[in-house]
Protein backbone atom coordinates (compact mmCIF):
# COMPACT_ATOMS: atom_id res chain seq x y z
CA MET A 1 0.00 0.00 0.00
CA GLN A 2 1.39 3.38 -0.98
CA SER A 3 1.41 6.30 1.38
CA GLN A 4 0.60 9.11 -1.03
CA ASP A 5 -1.11 11.17 1.65
CA THR A 6 -0.28 14.77 1.05
CA ILE A 7 -2.25 17.89 1.70
CA PRO A 8 -2.05 20.46 -1.10
CA ASP A 9 -0.96 24.03 -0.48
CA ILE A 10 -3.68 26.62 -0.16
CA ARG A 11 -3.47 28.92 -3.19
CA LYS A 12 -5.64 32.01 -3.60
CA THR A 13 -5.35 34.55 -6.42
CA VAL A 14 -7.10 37.87 -6.95
CA VAL A 15 -6.54 40.75 -9.36
CA LEU A 16 -6.25 44.08 -7.55
CA ASN A 17 -7.20 47.25 -9.36
CA VAL A 18 -4.06 49.09 -8.21
CA PRO A 19 -0.47 49.48 -9.45
CA ILE A 20 2.04 46.96 -8.10
CA GLU A 21 3.73 49.61 -5.90
CA LYS A 22 0.51 50.16 -3.95
CA ALA A 23 -0.09 46.41 -3.61
CA TRP A 24 3.52 45.98 -2.41
CA LYS A 25 2.89 48.37 0.49
CA ALA A 26 -0.10 46.21 1.49
CA ILE A 27 1.94 43.00 1.67
CA ALA A 28 5.39 44.21 2.73
CA THR A 29 4.70 46.62 5.61
CA SER A 30 3.39 46.01 9.10
CA GLU A 31 0.66 48.63 8.62
CA GLY A 32 -0.34 47.17 5.26
CA ILE A 33 -0.61 43.59 6.52
CA ALA A 34 -2.60 44.79 9.56
CA GLY A 35 -4.99 46.62 7.22
CA TRP A 36 -6.30 43.46 5.57
CA TRP A 37 -5.16 40.53 7.70
CA MET A 38 -4.01 40.90 11.31
CA PRO A 39 -1.94 43.12 13.61
CA ASN A 40 1.75 42.27 13.57
CA THR A 41 5.32 43.39 14.19
CA PHE A 42 6.48 42.61 10.63
CA GLU A 43 9.53 44.31 9.13
CA PRO A 44 10.61 43.52 5.54
CA VAL A 45 14.04 42.15 6.50
CA VAL A 46 15.09 38.58 5.69
CA GLY A 47 15.83 36.66 8.89
CA LYS A 48 13.79 39.06 11.05
CA ASP A 49 11.49 37.50 13.66
CA PHE A 50 8.04 38.99 14.10
CA ILE A 51 4.69 38.31 15.74
CA LEU A 52 1.23 37.91 14.22
CA HIS A 53 -1.40 38.88 16.81
CA ALA A 54 -4.12 36.33 16.05
CA GLY A 55 -6.71 37.55 18.54
CA PRO A 56 -8.31 34.61 20.39
CA PHE A 57 -5.69 32.24 18.95
CA GLY A 58 -2.90 34.19 20.64
CA ASP A 59 0.38 35.33 19.14
CA SER A 60 2.14 33.41 16.38
CA HIS A 61 5.89 33.60 16.02
CA CYS A 62 7.09 34.15 12.45
CA LYS A 63 10.34 34.68 10.57
CA VAL A 64 10.86 36.49 7.28
CA THR A 65 12.45 34.16 4.72
CA GLU A 66 12.14 36.15 1.50
CA ILE A 67 11.79 39.77 0.41
CA GLU A 68 11.90 40.43 -3.33
CA PRO A 69 10.46 43.92 -4.04
CA PRO A 70 7.93 44.35 -5.50
CA HIS A 71 7.12 40.71 -6.21
CA ARG A 72 7.48 38.34 -3.23
CA VAL A 73 7.26 38.21 0.55
CA GLY A 74 7.80 34.88 2.28
CA PHE A 75 7.78 33.91 5.93
CA ASP A 76 7.58 30.96 8.25
CA TRP A 77 4.40 31.07 10.34
CA GLY A 78 4.63 29.19 13.63
CA ALA A 79 6.49 25.89 13.65
CA GLU A 80 5.10 24.30 10.51
CA TRP A 81 3.61 26.68 7.98
CA HIS A 82 5.06 28.90 5.30
CA LEU A 83 3.30 31.82 3.63
CA THR A 84 4.25 33.42 0.35
CA PHE A 85 2.63 36.56 -1.03
CA GLU A 86 3.33 37.01 -4.76
CA LEU A 87 2.59 40.03 -6.93
CA LYS A 88 2.59 40.19 -10.72
CA GLU A 89 1.85 43.21 -12.88
CA VAL A 90 -1.00 42.60 -15.32
CA ASP A 91 -2.09 45.48 -17.59
CA GLY A 92 -1.62 48.18 -14.97
CA LYS A 93 -3.30 46.06 -12.31
CA THR A 94 -1.72 43.62 -9.86
CA GLU A 95 -2.31 39.91 -9.54
CA PHE A 96 -1.88 38.79 -5.92
CA THR A 97 -1.33 35.12 -5.07
CA LEU A 98 -1.20 33.70 -1.58
CA ILE A 99 0.45 30.32 -1.03
CA HIS A 100 0.03 28.70 2.39
CA SER A 101 2.21 25.59 2.58
CA GLY A 102 3.52 23.20 5.21
CA TRP A 103 0.48 20.93 5.55
CA ASP A 104 1.24 17.41 6.76
CA PRO A 105 -1.46 14.72 7.16
CA ALA A 106 0.56 13.12 9.97
CA LYS A 107 0.74 16.30 12.06
CA THR A 108 -1.51 18.21 14.40
CA THR A 109 -1.26 21.92 15.15
CA GLU A 110 -0.06 23.30 18.46
CA PHE A 111 -3.78 23.49 19.33
CA GLY A 112 -4.12 19.73 18.84
CA GLN A 113 -6.16 19.77 15.61
CA PRO A 114 -5.15 17.61 12.61
CA HIS A 115 -3.63 19.57 9.72
CA ALA A 116 -6.30 18.21 7.36
CA VAL A 117 -9.05 19.76 9.52
CA VAL A 118 -7.27 23.07 10.02
CA ARG A 119 -6.47 23.35 6.31
CA GLY A 120 -10.20 23.25 5.50
CA ILE A 121 -10.91 26.01 8.01
CA MET A 122 -7.95 28.08 6.80
CA ASP A 123 -8.88 27.57 3.15
CA ASN A 124 -12.29 29.14 3.80
CA GLY A 125 -10.74 31.92 5.84
CA TRP A 126 -8.18 32.77 3.17
CA GLU A 127 -10.91 32.80 0.53
CA LYS A 128 -12.68 35.63 2.35
CA ILE A 129 -9.47 37.50 3.20
CA VAL A 130 -8.02 37.36 -0.32
CA ALA A 131 -11.28 37.86 -2.23
CA GLU A 132 -12.76 40.54 0.04
CA ALA A 133 -10.54 42.02 2.78
CA LEU A 134 -7.39 42.60 0.69
CA PRO A 135 -9.14 44.25 -2.29
CA ALA A 136 -11.30 46.39 0.04
CA TYR A 137 -8.18 47.59 1.85
CA VAL A 138 -5.84 48.14 -1.09
CA GLU A 139 -8.41 49.61 -3.51
CA ALA A 140 -9.91 52.04 -0.96
């Protein structure tokens, strides 16, 4: 019997009706990230530790792994996850893609929930954040 159990990355893409420079400020500054996602102590410096203040879920420790202006921000989120925010210029607008990776069917989160369960919850959450919260913030 093969063990092909893998959990796919969460990928969400939206086209933002703003130039890439404006979208970059929304994904690569503490104020920007707080405007559409959650309060944080982010600084766009590779290797820099920061905190995501996740309300009732407490604080999550993160570390910046990639800064490539104005196209990519990557960071480790907690012990297991990795987030990448990608921007691509498309006809004067900006395509934003979120990639949430690090899902493992054999693991549970620090809150004791299986990754497969949490991924479903997060997938729905990201859908709303990427499709609604980010555009509302950046296009305002």
